[in-house]
Amino acid sequence: QVQLVESGGGLVQAGDSLRLSCAASGRIFSISTMGWYRQAPGKQRELVATITSDGSRNYAEPVKDRFTISRDTQITVSLQMNSLTPEDTAVYYCNAVKWGQNYWGQGTQVTVSS
């Protein structure tokens, strides 16, 4: 099993920045891709950004020029979010993939006021 713990959410104003962090623990060997997803009220969970073990990044179009994902170690991932808008308000979930199985954190709330 892999456990993921997120930190860094909060309430900010439009235009502000926020940094989310996630650390994996447990059976952490062979974790490949890590990433962030988000779920806004009444909507499905959606991809925000992912990063593979060799550093390849993938971003959702709405965040492409504002968010940066980085993998500080093989078991930690962070998401730098700039120029936040109210549309970014959601619960953000850390994700890790190991041998094709997805693991999820408990989520951290990000609220952007206008």
PDB file of N, CA and C in Angstrom:
ATOM      1  N   GLN A   1       0.826  -1.199   0.000  1.00  0.00           N
ATOM      2  CA  GLN A   1       0.000   0.000   0.000  1.00  0.00           C
ATOM      3  C   GLN A   1       0.860   1.249   0.000  1.00  0.00           C
ATOM      4  N   VAL A   2       0.334   2.268  -0.634  1.00  0.00           N
ATOM      5  CA  VAL A   2       0.992   3.569  -0.685  1.00  0.00           C
ATOM      6  C   VAL A   2       0.063   4.593  -0.044  1.00  0.00           C
ATOM      7  N   GLN A   3       0.589   5.348   0.883  1.00  0.00           N
ATOM      8  CA  GLN A   3      -0.180   6.423   1.494  1.00  0.00           C
ATOM      9  C   GLN A   3       0.345   7.763   0.979  1.00  0.00           C
ATOM     10  N   LEU A   4      -0.595   8.661   0.712  1.00  0.00           N
ATOM     11  CA  LEU A   4      -0.252   9.982   0.205  1.00  0.00           C
ATOM     12  C   LEU A   4      -0.847  11.038   1.129  1.00  0.00           C
ATOM     13  N   VAL A   5      -0.046  12.017   1.472  1.00  0.00           N
ATOM     14  CA  VAL A   5      -0.519  13.088   2.351  1.00  0.00           C
ATOM     15  C   VAL A   5      -0.233  14.424   1.677  1.00  0.00           C
ATOM     16  N   GLU A   6      -1.308  15.197   1.479  1.00  0.00           N
ATOM     17  CA  GLU A   6      -1.182  16.509   0.850  1.00  0.00           C
ATOM     18  C   GLU A   6      -1.112  17.602   1.906  1.00  0.00           C
ATOM     19  N   SER A   7      -0.553  18.722   1.506  1.00  0.00           N
ATOM     20  CA  SER A   7      -0.545  19.903   2.367  1.00  0.00           C
ATOM     21  C   SER A   7      -0.483  21.138   1.479  1.00  0.00           C
ATOM     22  N   GLY A   8      -0.884  22.272   2.053  1.00  0.00           N
ATOM     23  CA  GLY A   8      -0.711  23.540   1.351  1.00  0.00           C
ATOM     24  C   GLY A   8      -1.961  24.191   0.816  1.00  0.00           C
ATOM     25  N   GLY A   9      -3.113  23.583   0.984  1.00  0.00           N
ATOM     26  CA  GLY A   9      -4.329  24.226   0.507  1.00  0.00           C
ATOM     27  C   GLY A   9      -4.711  25.410   1.376  1.00  0.00           C
ATOM     28  N   GLY A  10      -5.739  26.127   0.947  1.00  0.00           N
ATOM     29  CA  GLY A  10      -6.196  27.252   1.737  1.00  0.00           C
ATOM     30  C   GLY A  10      -7.099  28.181   0.956  1.00  0.00           C
ATOM     31  N   LEU A  11      -7.360  29.323   1.557  1.00  0.00           N
ATOM     32  CA  LEU A  11      -8.204  30.352   0.961  1.00  0.00           C
ATOM     33  C   LEU A  11      -7.325  31.508   0.501  1.00  0.00           C
ATOM     34  N   VAL A  12      -7.429  31.832  -0.780  1.00  0.00           N
ATOM     35  CA  VAL A  12      -6.644  32.933  -1.336  1.00  0.00           C
ATOM     36  C   VAL A  12      -7.545  33.797  -2.211  1.00  0.00           C
ATOM     37  N   GLN A  13      -7.016  34.932  -2.621  1.00  0.00           N
ATOM     38  CA  GLN A  13      -7.761  35.811  -3.516  1.00  0.00           C
ATOM     39  C   GLN A  13      -7.322  35.578  -4.965  1.00  0.00           C
ATOM     40  N   ALA A  14      -8.177  35.966  -5.864  1.00  0.00           N
ATOM     41  CA  ALA A  14      -7.852  35.845  -7.287  1.00  0.00           C
ATOM     42  C   ALA A  14      -6.545  36.572  -7.584  1.00  0.00           C
ATOM     43  N   GLY A  15      -5.692  35.915  -8.351  1.00  0.00           N
ATOM     44  CA  GLY A  15      -4.394  36.480  -8.681  1.00  0.00           C
ATOM     45  C   GLY A  15      -3.271  36.022  -7.775  1.00  0.00           C
ATOM     46  N   ASP A  16      -3.624  35.451  -6.640  1.00  0.00           N
ATOM     47  CA  ASP A  16      -2.616  34.969  -5.690  1.00  0.00           C
ATOM     48  C   ASP A  16      -1.988  33.662  -6.155  1.00  0.00           C
ATOM     49  N   SER A  17      -0.968  33.256  -5.420  1.00  0.00           N
ATOM     50  CA  SER A  17      -0.292  31.986  -5.676  1.00  0.00           C
ATOM     51  C   SER A  17      -0.431  31.074  -4.467  1.00  0.00           C
ATOM     52  N   LEU A  18      -0.288  29.786  -4.733  1.00  0.00           N
ATOM     53  CA  LEU A  18      -0.373  28.780  -3.678  1.00  0.00           C
ATOM     54  C   LEU A  18       0.480  27.593  -4.112  1.00  0.00           C
ATOM     55  N   ARG A  19       1.080  26.918  -3.140  1.00  0.00           N
ATOM     56  CA  ARG A  19       1.900  25.744  -3.442  1.00  0.00           C
ATOM     57  C   ARG A  19       1.380  24.547  -2.663  1.00  0.00           C
ATOM     58  N   LEU A  20       1.082  23.493  -3.381  1.00  0.00           N
ATOM     59  CA  LEU A  20       0.654  22.236  -2.779  1.00  0.00           C
ATOM     60  C   LEU A  20       1.814  21.254  -2.767  1.00  0.00           C
ATOM     61  N   SER A  21       1.871  20.463  -1.717  1.00  0.00           N
ATOM     62  CA  SER A  21       2.898  19.436  -1.615  1.00  0.00           C
ATOM     63  C   SER A  21       2.266  18.105  -1.265  1.00  0.00           C
ATOM     64  N   CYS A  22       2.931  17.037  -1.659  1.00  0.00           N
ATOM     65  CA  CYS A  22       2.428  15.691  -1.391  1.00  0.00           C
ATOM     66  C   CYS A  22       3.609  14.769  -1.157  1.00  0.00           C
ATOM     67  N   ALA A  23       3.504  13.954  -0.129  1.00  0.00           N
ATOM     68  CA  ALA A  23       4.559  12.992   0.173  1.00  0.00           C
ATOM     69  C   ALA A  23       3.962  11.592   0.255  1.00  0.00           C
ATOM     70  N   ALA A  24       4.658  10.658  -0.337  1.00  0.00           N
ATOM     71  CA  ALA A  24       4.231   9.263  -0.309  1.00  0.00           C
ATOM     72  C   ALA A  24       4.980   8.512   0.785  1.00  0.00           C
ATOM     73  N   SER A  25       4.315   7.522   1.344  1.00  0.00           N
ATOM     74  CA  SER A  25       4.936   6.652   2.332  1.00  0.00           C
ATOM     75  C   SER A  25       4.379   5.253   2.166  1.00  0.00           C
ATOM     76  N   GLY A  26       4.943   4.308   2.886  1.00  0.00           N
ATOM     77  CA  GLY A  26       4.509   2.924   2.767  1.00  0.00           C
ATOM     78  C   GLY A  26       5.377   2.176   1.774  1.00  0.00           C
ATOM     79  N   ARG A  27       4.753   1.398   0.924  1.00  0.00           N
ATOM     80  CA  ARG A  27       5.489   0.616  -0.089  1.00  0.00           C
ATOM     81  C   ARG A  27       5.765   1.512  -1.292  1.00  0.00           C
ATOM     82  N   ILE A  28       6.749   2.357  -1.149  1.00  0.00           N
ATOM     83  CA  ILE A  28       6.969   3.426  -2.117  1.00  0.00           C
ATOM     84  C   ILE A  28       7.838   3.030  -3.303  1.00  0.00           C
ATOM     85  N   PHE A  29       8.419   1.840  -3.262  1.00  0.00           N
ATOM     86  CA  PHE A  29       9.272   1.440  -4.378  1.00  0.00           C
ATOM     87  C   PHE A  29       8.411   1.257  -5.622  1.00  0.00           C
ATOM     88  N   SER A  30       8.983   1.558  -6.764  1.00  0.00           N
ATOM     89  CA  SER A  30       8.336   1.376  -8.066  1.00  0.00           C
ATOM     90  C   SER A  30       7.169   2.322  -8.326  1.00  0.00           C
ATOM     91  N   ILE A  31       7.051   3.419  -7.574  1.00  0.00           N
ATOM     92  CA  ILE A  31       6.072   4.447  -7.946  1.00  0.00           C
ATOM     93  C   ILE A  31       6.541   5.067  -9.248  1.00  0.00           C
ATOM     94  N   SER A  32       5.666   5.139 -10.230  1.00  0.00           N
ATOM     95  CA  SER A  32       6.050   5.718 -11.508  1.00  0.00           C
ATOM     96  C   SER A  32       5.540   7.163 -11.604  1.00  0.00           C
ATOM     97  N   THR A  33       4.367   7.352 -12.127  1.00  0.00           N
ATOM     98  CA  THR A  33       3.826   8.692 -12.305  1.00  0.00           C
ATOM     99  C   THR A  33       3.190   9.206 -11.010  1.00  0.00           C
ATOM    100  N   MET A  34       3.409  10.479 -10.738  1.00  0.00           N
ATOM    101  CA  MET A  34       2.697  11.168  -9.659  1.00  0.00           C
ATOM    102  C   MET A  34       2.026  12.393 -10.253  1.00  0.00           C
ATOM    103  N   GLY A  35       0.992  12.840  -9.587  1.00  0.00           N
ATOM    104  CA  GLY A  35       0.300  13.987 -10.155  1.00  0.00           C
ATOM    105  C   GLY A  35      -0.752  14.571  -9.245  1.00  0.00           C
ATOM    106  N   TRP A  36      -1.471  15.522  -9.804  1.00  0.00           N
ATOM    107  CA  TRP A  36      -2.539  16.214  -9.097  1.00  0.00           C
ATOM    108  C   TRP A  36      -3.804  16.199  -9.931  1.00  0.00           C
ATOM    109  N   TYR A  37      -4.904  15.963  -9.255  1.00  0.00           N
ATOM    110  CA  TYR A  37      -6.225  16.031  -9.842  1.00  0.00           C
ATOM    111  C   TYR A  37      -7.051  16.955  -8.952  1.00  0.00           C
ATOM    112  N   ARG A  38      -8.166  17.420  -9.486  1.00  0.00           N
ATOM    113  CA  ARG A  38      -9.042  18.267  -8.670  1.00  0.00           C
ATOM    114  C   ARG A  38     -10.496  17.956  -8.958  1.00  0.00           C
ATOM    115  N   GLN A  39     -11.320  18.262  -7.962  1.00  0.00           N
ATOM    116  CA  GLN A  39     -12.756  18.049  -8.109  1.00  0.00           C
ATOM    117  C   GLN A  39     -13.486  19.237  -7.519  1.00  0.00           C
ATOM    118  N   ALA A  40     -14.194  19.953  -8.380  1.00  0.00           N
ATOM    119  CA  ALA A  40     -15.002  21.086  -7.953  1.00  0.00           C
ATOM    120  C   ALA A  40     -16.394  20.586  -7.591  1.00  0.00           C
ATOM    121  N   PRO A  41     -17.134  21.342  -6.790  1.00  0.00           N
ATOM    122  CA  PRO A  41     -18.487  20.913  -6.396  1.00  0.00           C
ATOM    123  C   PRO A  41     -19.361  20.641  -7.608  1.00  0.00           C
ATOM    124  N   GLY A  42     -19.988  19.478  -7.617  1.00  0.00           N
ATOM    125  CA  GLY A  42     -20.896  19.123  -8.697  1.00  0.00           C
ATOM    126  C   GLY A  42     -20.222  18.686  -9.982  1.00  0.00           C
ATOM    127  N   LYS A  43     -18.904  18.559  -9.949  1.00  0.00           N
ATOM    128  CA  LYS A  43     -18.186  18.166 -11.165  1.00  0.00           C
ATOM    129  C   LYS A  43     -17.381  16.899 -10.920  1.00  0.00           C
ATOM    130  N   GLN A  44     -16.957  16.293 -12.011  1.00  0.00           N
ATOM    131  CA  GLN A  44     -16.136  15.098 -11.902  1.00  0.00           C
ATOM    132  C   GLN A  44     -14.686  15.472 -11.599  1.00  0.00           C
ATOM    133  N   ARG A  45     -13.977  14.521 -11.042  1.00  0.00           N
ATOM    134  CA  ARG A  45     -12.559  14.726 -10.795  1.00  0.00           C
ATOM    135  C   ARG A  45     -11.843  14.841 -12.136  1.00  0.00           C
ATOM    136  N   GLU A  46     -10.919  15.799 -12.230  1.00  0.00           N
ATOM    137  CA  GLU A  46     -10.228  16.030 -13.485  1.00  0.00           C
ATOM    138  C   GLU A  46      -8.726  16.151 -13.267  1.00  0.00           C
ATOM    139  N   LEU A  47      -8.010  15.835 -14.329  1.00  0.00           N
ATOM    140  CA  LEU A  47      -6.557  15.943 -14.304  1.00  0.00           C
ATOM    141  C   LEU A  47      -6.134  17.403 -14.192  1.00  0.00           C
ATOM    142  N   VAL A  48      -5.112  17.657 -13.383  1.00  0.00           N
ATOM    143  CA  VAL A  48      -4.479  18.966 -13.347  1.00  0.00           C
ATOM    144  C   VAL A  48      -3.095  18.865 -13.991  1.00  0.00           C
ATOM    145  N   ALA A  49      -2.267  17.996 -13.444  1.00  0.00           N
ATOM    146  CA  ALA A  49      -0.909  17.838 -13.981  1.00  0.00           C
ATOM    147  C   ALA A  49      -0.327  16.522 -13.486  1.00  0.00           C
ATOM    148  N   THR A  50       0.542  15.937 -14.304  1.00  0.00           N
ATOM    149  CA  THR A  50       1.250  14.730 -13.903  1.00  0.00           C
ATOM    150  C   THR A  50       2.723  14.862 -14.258  1.00  0.00           C
ATOM    151  N   ILE A  51       3.533  14.059 -13.583  1.00  0.00           N
ATOM    152  CA  ILE A  51       4.960  14.022 -13.870  1.00  0.00           C
ATOM    153  C   ILE A  51       5.444  12.593 -13.686  1.00  0.00           C
ATOM    154  N   THR A  52       6.194  12.106 -14.672  1.00  0.00           N
ATOM    155  CA  THR A  52       6.667  10.738 -14.617  1.00  0.00           C
ATOM    156  C   THR A  52       7.969  10.652 -13.812  1.00  0.00           C
ATOM    157  N   SER A  53       8.431   9.444 -13.613  1.00  0.00           N
ATOM    158  CA  SER A  53       9.657   9.249 -12.831  1.00  0.00           C
ATOM    159  C   SER A  53      10.881   9.815 -13.546  1.00  0.00           C
ATOM    160  N   ASP A  54      10.794   9.973 -14.857  1.00  0.00           N
ATOM    161  CA  ASP A  54      11.930  10.559 -15.580  1.00  0.00           C
ATOM    162  C   ASP A  54      11.726  12.040 -15.868  1.00  0.00           C
ATOM    163  N   GLY A  55      10.684  12.636 -15.256  1.00  0.00           N
ATOM    164  CA  GLY A  55      10.507  14.081 -15.341  1.00  0.00           C
ATOM    165  C   GLY A  55       9.620  14.614 -16.436  1.00  0.00           C
ATOM    166  N   SER A  56       8.975  13.765 -17.193  1.00  0.00           N
ATOM    167  CA  SER A  56       8.075  14.242 -18.244  1.00  0.00           C
ATOM    168  C   SER A  56       6.791  14.775 -17.614  1.00  0.00           C
ATOM    169  N   ARG A  57       6.394  15.968 -18.044  1.00  0.00           N
ATOM    170  CA  ARG A  57       5.239  16.641 -17.452  1.00  0.00           C
ATOM    171  C   ARG A  57       4.071  16.704 -18.431  1.00  0.00           C
ATOM    172  N   ASN A  58       2.874  16.680 -17.866  1.00  0.00           N
ATOM    173  CA  ASN A  58       1.655  16.824 -18.648  1.00  0.00           C
ATOM    174  C   ASN A  58       0.711  17.722 -17.869  1.00  0.00           C
ATOM    175  N   TYR A  59       0.131  18.712 -18.570  1.00  0.00           N
ATOM    176  CA  TYR A  59      -0.764  19.665 -17.922  1.00  0.00           C
ATOM    177  C   TYR A  59      -2.112  19.691 -18.609  1.00  0.00           C
ATOM    178  N   ALA A  60      -3.147  19.938 -17.818  1.00  0.00           N
ATOM    179  CA  ALA A  60      -4.456  20.219 -18.392  1.00  0.00           C
ATOM    180  C   ALA A  60      -4.401  21.606 -19.018  1.00  0.00           C
ATOM    181  N   GLU A  61      -5.149  21.785 -20.074  1.00  0.00           N
ATOM    182  CA  GLU A  61      -5.106  23.046 -20.810  1.00  0.00           C
ATOM    183  C   GLU A  61      -5.411  24.268 -19.951  1.00  0.00           C
ATOM    184  N   PRO A  62      -6.405  24.223 -19.059  1.00  0.00           N
ATOM    185  CA  PRO A  62      -6.734  25.441 -18.278  1.00  0.00           C
ATOM    186  C   PRO A  62      -5.622  25.911 -17.346  1.00  0.00           C
ATOM    187  N   VAL A  63      -4.657  25.043 -17.031  1.00  0.00           N
ATOM    188  CA  VAL A  63      -3.629  25.420 -16.060  1.00  0.00           C
ATOM    189  C   VAL A  63      -2.251  25.499 -16.681  1.00  0.00           C
ATOM    190  N   LYS A  64      -2.160  25.212 -17.955  1.00  0.00           N
ATOM    191  CA  LYS A  64      -0.873  24.991 -18.610  1.00  0.00           C
ATOM    192  C   LYS A  64       0.129  26.117 -18.395  1.00  0.00           C
ATOM    193  N   ASP A  65      -0.299  27.333 -18.439  1.00  0.00           N
ATOM    194  CA  ASP A  65       0.640  28.462 -18.365  1.00  0.00           C
ATOM    195  C   ASP A  65       0.703  29.081 -16.975  1.00  0.00           C
ATOM    196  N   ARG A  66       0.003  28.461 -16.010  1.00  0.00           N
ATOM    197  CA  ARG A  66      -0.056  29.052 -14.671  1.00  0.00           C
ATOM    198  C   ARG A  66       0.468  28.128 -13.577  1.00  0.00           C
ATOM    199  N   PHE A  67       0.367  26.835 -13.786  1.00  0.00           N
ATOM    200  CA  PHE A  67       0.759  25.860 -12.773  1.00  0.00           C
ATOM    201  C   PHE A  67       2.051  25.156 -13.207  1.00  0.00           C
ATOM    202  N   THR A  68       2.853  24.794 -12.207  1.00  0.00           N
ATOM    203  CA  THR A  68       4.073  24.029 -12.469  1.00  0.00           C
ATOM    204  C   THR A  68       4.152  22.862 -11.505  1.00  0.00           C
ATOM    205  N   ILE A  69       4.299  21.663 -12.065  1.00  0.00           N
ATOM    206  CA  ILE A  69       4.439  20.471 -11.241  1.00  0.00           C
ATOM    207  C   ILE A  69       5.913  20.104 -11.178  1.00  0.00           C
ATOM    208  N   SER A  70       6.356  19.699 -10.000  1.00  0.00           N
ATOM    209  CA  SER A  70       7.743  19.275  -9.847  1.00  0.00           C
ATOM    210  C   SER A  70       7.803  18.072  -8.925  1.00  0.00           C
ATOM    211  N   ARG A  71       8.813  17.283  -9.174  1.00  0.00           N
ATOM    212  CA  ARG A  71       9.000  16.073  -8.374  1.00  0.00           C
ATOM    213  C   ARG A  71      10.320  16.249  -7.632  1.00  0.00           C
ATOM    214  N   ASP A  72      10.200  16.631  -6.382  1.00  0.00           N
ATOM    215  CA  ASP A  72      11.386  16.971  -5.621  1.00  0.00           C
ATOM    216  C   ASP A  72      12.230  15.741  -5.313  1.00  0.00           C
ATOM    217  N   THR A  73      11.583  14.632  -5.026  1.00  0.00           N
ATOM    218  CA  THR A  73      12.233  13.341  -4.884  1.00  0.00           C
ATOM    219  C   THR A  73      11.343  12.328  -5.589  1.00  0.00           C
ATOM    220  N   GLN A  74      11.719  11.091  -5.588  1.00  0.00           N
ATOM    221  CA  GLN A  74      10.879  10.085  -6.234  1.00  0.00           C
ATOM    222  C   GLN A  74       9.552   9.882  -5.528  1.00  0.00           C
ATOM    223  N   ILE A  75       9.452  10.378  -4.278  1.00  0.00           N
ATOM    224  CA  ILE A  75       8.224  10.151  -3.524  1.00  0.00           C
ATOM    225  C   ILE A  75       7.566  11.440  -3.047  1.00  0.00           C
ATOM    226  N   THR A  76       7.996  12.562  -3.542  1.00  0.00           N
ATOM    227  CA  THR A  76       7.346  13.824  -3.210  1.00  0.00           C
ATOM    228  C   THR A  76       7.074  14.605  -4.491  1.00  0.00           C
ATOM    229  N   VAL A  77       5.929  15.239  -4.515  1.00  0.00           N
ATOM    230  CA  VAL A  77       5.542  16.027  -5.680  1.00  0.00           C
ATOM    231  C   VAL A  77       4.893  17.313  -5.191  1.00  0.00           C
ATOM    232  N   SER A  78       5.131  18.391  -5.912  1.00  0.00           N
ATOM    233  CA  SER A  78       4.536  19.658  -5.533  1.00  0.00           C
ATOM    234  C   SER A  78       3.887  20.317  -6.750  1.00  0.00           C
ATOM    235  N   LEU A  79       2.989  21.241  -6.464  1.00  0.00           N
ATOM    236  CA  LEU A  79       2.279  21.954  -7.521  1.00  0.00           C
ATOM    237  C   LEU A  79       2.289  23.435  -7.180  1.00  0.00           C
ATOM    238  N   GLN A  80       3.008  24.202  -7.954  1.00  0.00           N
ATOM    239  CA  GLN A  80       3.034  25.646  -7.790  1.00  0.00           C
ATOM    240  C   GLN A  80       1.933  26.238  -8.644  1.00  0.00           C
ATOM    241  N   MET A  81       1.002  26.932  -8.003  1.00  0.00           N
ATOM    242  CA  MET A  81      -0.153  27.486  -8.700  1.00  0.00           C
ATOM    243  C   MET A  81      -0.078  29.015  -8.651  1.00  0.00           C
ATOM    244  N   ASN A  82       0.004  29.627  -9.795  1.00  0.00           N
ATOM    245  CA  ASN A  82       0.071  31.083  -9.903  1.00  0.00           C
ATOM    246  C   ASN A  82      -1.168  31.621 -10.603  1.00  0.00           C
ATOM    247  N   SER A  83      -1.405  32.902 -10.429  1.00  0.00           N
ATOM    248  CA  SER A  83      -2.536  33.572 -11.092  1.00  0.00           C
ATOM    249  C   SER A  83      -3.840  32.800 -10.901  1.00  0.00           C
ATOM    250  N   LEU A  84      -4.116  32.453  -9.678  1.00  0.00           N
ATOM    251  CA  LEU A  84      -5.309  31.651  -9.383  1.00  0.00           C
ATOM    252  C   LEU A  84      -6.581  32.434  -9.678  1.00  0.00           C
ATOM    253  N   THR A  85      -7.580  31.728 -10.138  1.00  0.00           N
ATOM    254  CA  THR A  85      -8.891  32.301 -10.420  1.00  0.00           C
ATOM    255  C   THR A  85      -9.945  31.528  -9.636  1.00  0.00           C
ATOM    256  N   PRO A  86     -11.148  32.099  -9.483  1.00  0.00           N
ATOM    257  CA  PRO A  86     -12.204  31.363  -8.776  1.00  0.00           C
ATOM    258  C   PRO A  86     -12.512  30.013  -9.415  1.00  0.00           C
ATOM    259  N   GLU A  87     -12.248  29.874 -10.705  1.00  0.00           N
ATOM    260  CA  GLU A  87     -12.489  28.596 -11.389  1.00  0.00           C
ATOM    261  C   GLU A  87     -11.523  27.506 -10.932  1.00  0.00           C
ATOM    262  N   ASP A  88     -10.473  27.879 -10.234  1.00  0.00           N
ATOM    263  CA  ASP A  88      -9.532  26.889  -9.707  1.00  0.00           C
ATOM    264  C   ASP A  88      -9.985  26.331  -8.357  1.00  0.00           C
ATOM    265  N   THR A  89     -11.060  26.857  -7.823  1.00  0.00           N
ATOM    266  CA  THR A  89     -11.574  26.379  -6.539  1.00  0.00           C
ATOM    267  C   THR A  89     -11.993  24.915  -6.665  1.00  0.00           C
ATOM    268  N   ALA A  90     -11.438  24.074  -5.792  1.00  0.00           N
ATOM    269  CA  ALA A  90     -11.713  22.641  -5.847  1.00  0.00           C
ATOM    270  C   ALA A  90     -10.972  21.953  -4.706  1.00  0.00           C
ATOM    271  N   VAL A  91     -11.285  20.691  -4.525  1.00  0.00           N
ATOM    272  CA  VAL A  91     -10.456  19.835  -3.681  1.00  0.00           C
ATOM    273  C   VAL A  91      -9.387  19.231  -4.588  1.00  0.00           C
ATOM    274  N   TYR A  92      -8.148  19.390  -4.188  1.00  0.00           N
ATOM    275  CA  TYR A  92      -7.022  18.898  -4.979  1.00  0.00           C
ATOM    276  C   TYR A  92      -6.515  17.600  -4.360  1.00  0.00           C
ATOM    277  N   TYR A  93      -6.364  16.590  -5.221  1.00  0.00           N
ATOM    278  CA  TYR A  93      -5.953  15.267  -4.775  1.00  0.00           C
ATOM    279  C   TYR A  93      -4.600  14.906  -5.370  1.00  0.00           C
ATOM    280  N   CYS A  94      -3.741  14.404  -4.532  1.00  0.00           N
ATOM    281  CA  CYS A  94      -2.463  13.857  -4.996  1.00  0.00           C
ATOM    282  C   CYS A  94      -2.700  12.428  -5.484  1.00  0.00           C
ATOM    283  N   ASN A  95      -1.998  12.060  -6.536  1.00  0.00           N
ATOM    284  CA  ASN A  95      -2.137  10.732  -7.130  1.00  0.00           C
ATOM    285  C   ASN A  95      -0.769  10.114  -7.355  1.00  0.00           C
ATOM    286  N   ALA A  96      -0.678   8.832  -7.130  1.00  0.00           N
ATOM    287  CA  ALA A  96       0.545   8.085  -7.455  1.00  0.00           C
ATOM    288  C   ALA A  96       0.144   6.799  -8.151  1.00  0.00           C
ATOM    289  N   VAL A  97       0.933   6.417  -9.120  1.00  0.00           N
ATOM    290  CA  VAL A  97       0.680   5.189  -9.866  1.00  0.00           C
ATOM    291  C   VAL A  97       1.820   4.212  -9.611  1.00  0.00           C
ATOM    292  N   LYS A  98       1.450   3.009  -9.241  1.00  0.00           N
ATOM    293  CA  LYS A  98       2.443   1.971  -8.985  1.00  0.00           C
ATOM    294  C   LYS A  98       1.920   0.676  -9.572  1.00  0.00           C
ATOM    295  N   TRP A  99       2.675   0.136 -10.522  1.00  0.00           N
ATOM    296  CA  TRP A  99       2.295  -1.111 -11.186  1.00  0.00           C
ATOM    297  C   TRP A  99       0.855  -1.054 -11.709  1.00  0.00           C
ATOM    298  N   GLY A 100       0.484   0.099 -12.243  1.00  0.00           N
ATOM    299  CA  GLY A 100      -0.819   0.255 -12.856  1.00  0.00           C
ATOM    300  C   GLY A 100      -1.950   0.554 -11.884  1.00  0.00           C
ATOM    301  N   GLN A 101      -1.656   0.597 -10.619  1.00  0.00           N
ATOM    302  CA  GLN A 101      -2.694   0.868  -9.637  1.00  0.00           C
ATOM    303  C   GLN A 101      -2.584   2.317  -9.163  1.00  0.00           C
ATOM    304  N   ASN A 102      -3.754   2.960  -9.036  1.00  0.00           N
ATOM    305  CA  ASN A 102      -3.801   4.344  -8.594  1.00  0.00           C
ATOM    306  C   ASN A 102      -3.979   4.433  -7.082  1.00  0.00           C
ATOM    307  N   TYR A 103      -3.240   5.342  -6.485  1.00  0.00           N
ATOM    308  CA  TYR A 103      -3.378   5.656  -5.065  1.00  0.00           C
ATOM    309  C   TYR A 103      -3.702   7.138  -4.943  1.00  0.00           C
ATOM    310  N   TRP A 104      -4.523   7.461  -3.944  1.00  0.00           N
ATOM    311  CA  TRP A 104      -5.001   8.828  -3.793  1.00  0.00           C
ATOM    312  C   TRP A 104      -4.784   9.334  -2.375  1.00  0.00           C
ATOM    313  N   GLY A 105      -4.515  10.633  -2.275  1.00  0.00           N
ATOM    314  CA  GLY A 105      -4.497  11.275  -0.983  1.00  0.00           C
ATOM    315  C   GLY A 105      -5.915  11.628  -0.554  1.00  0.00           C
ATOM    316  N   GLN A 106      -6.021  12.227   0.610  1.00  0.00           N
ATOM    317  CA  GLN A 106      -7.340  12.548   1.156  1.00  0.00           C
ATOM    318  C   GLN A 106      -7.892  13.846   0.581  1.00  0.00           C
ATOM    319  N   GLY A 107      -7.042  14.606  -0.078  1.00  0.00           N
ATOM    320  CA  GLY A 107      -7.472  15.854  -0.704  1.00  0.00           C
ATOM    321  C   GLY A 107      -7.217  17.062   0.175  1.00  0.00           C
ATOM    322  N   THR A 108      -6.971  18.187  -0.477  1.00  0.00           N
ATOM    323  CA  THR A 108      -6.792  19.445   0.231  1.00  0.00           C
ATOM    324  C   THR A 108      -7.604  20.519  -0.491  1.00  0.00           C
ATOM    325  N   GLN A 109      -8.322  21.309   0.276  1.00  0.00           N
ATOM    326  CA  GLN A 109      -9.217  22.301  -0.304  1.00  0.00           C
ATOM    327  C   GLN A 109      -8.457  23.554  -0.722  1.00  0.00           C
ATOM    328  N   VAL A 110      -8.729  23.983  -1.941  1.00  0.00           N
ATOM    329  CA  VAL A 110      -8.225  25.267  -2.443  1.00  0.00           C
ATOM    330  C   VAL A 110      -9.439  26.118  -2.795  1.00  0.00           C
ATOM    331  N   THR A 111      -9.538  27.257  -2.180  1.00  0.00           N
ATOM    332  CA  THR A 111     -10.647  28.169  -2.444  1.00  0.00           C
ATOM    333  C   THR A 111     -10.086  29.517  -2.880  1.00  0.00           C
ATOM    334  N   VAL A 112     -10.545  29.978  -4.039  1.00  0.00           N
ATOM    335  CA  VAL A 112     -10.076  31.256  -4.584  1.00  0.00           C
ATOM    336  C   VAL A 112     -11.260  32.213  -4.624  1.00  0.00           C
ATOM    337  N   SER A 113     -11.148  33.302  -3.894  1.00  0.00           N
ATOM    338  CA  SER A 113     -12.233  34.282  -3.866  1.00  0.00           C
ATOM    339  C   SER A 113     -11.989  35.365  -4.909  1.00  0.00           C
ATOM    340  N   SER A 114     -13.076  35.915  -5.406  1.00  0.00           N
ATOM    341  CA  SER A 114     -12.963  36.945  -6.454  1.00  0.00           C
ATOM    342  C   SER A 114     -12.832  38.339  -5.864  1.00  0.00           C
TER     343      SER A 114
END
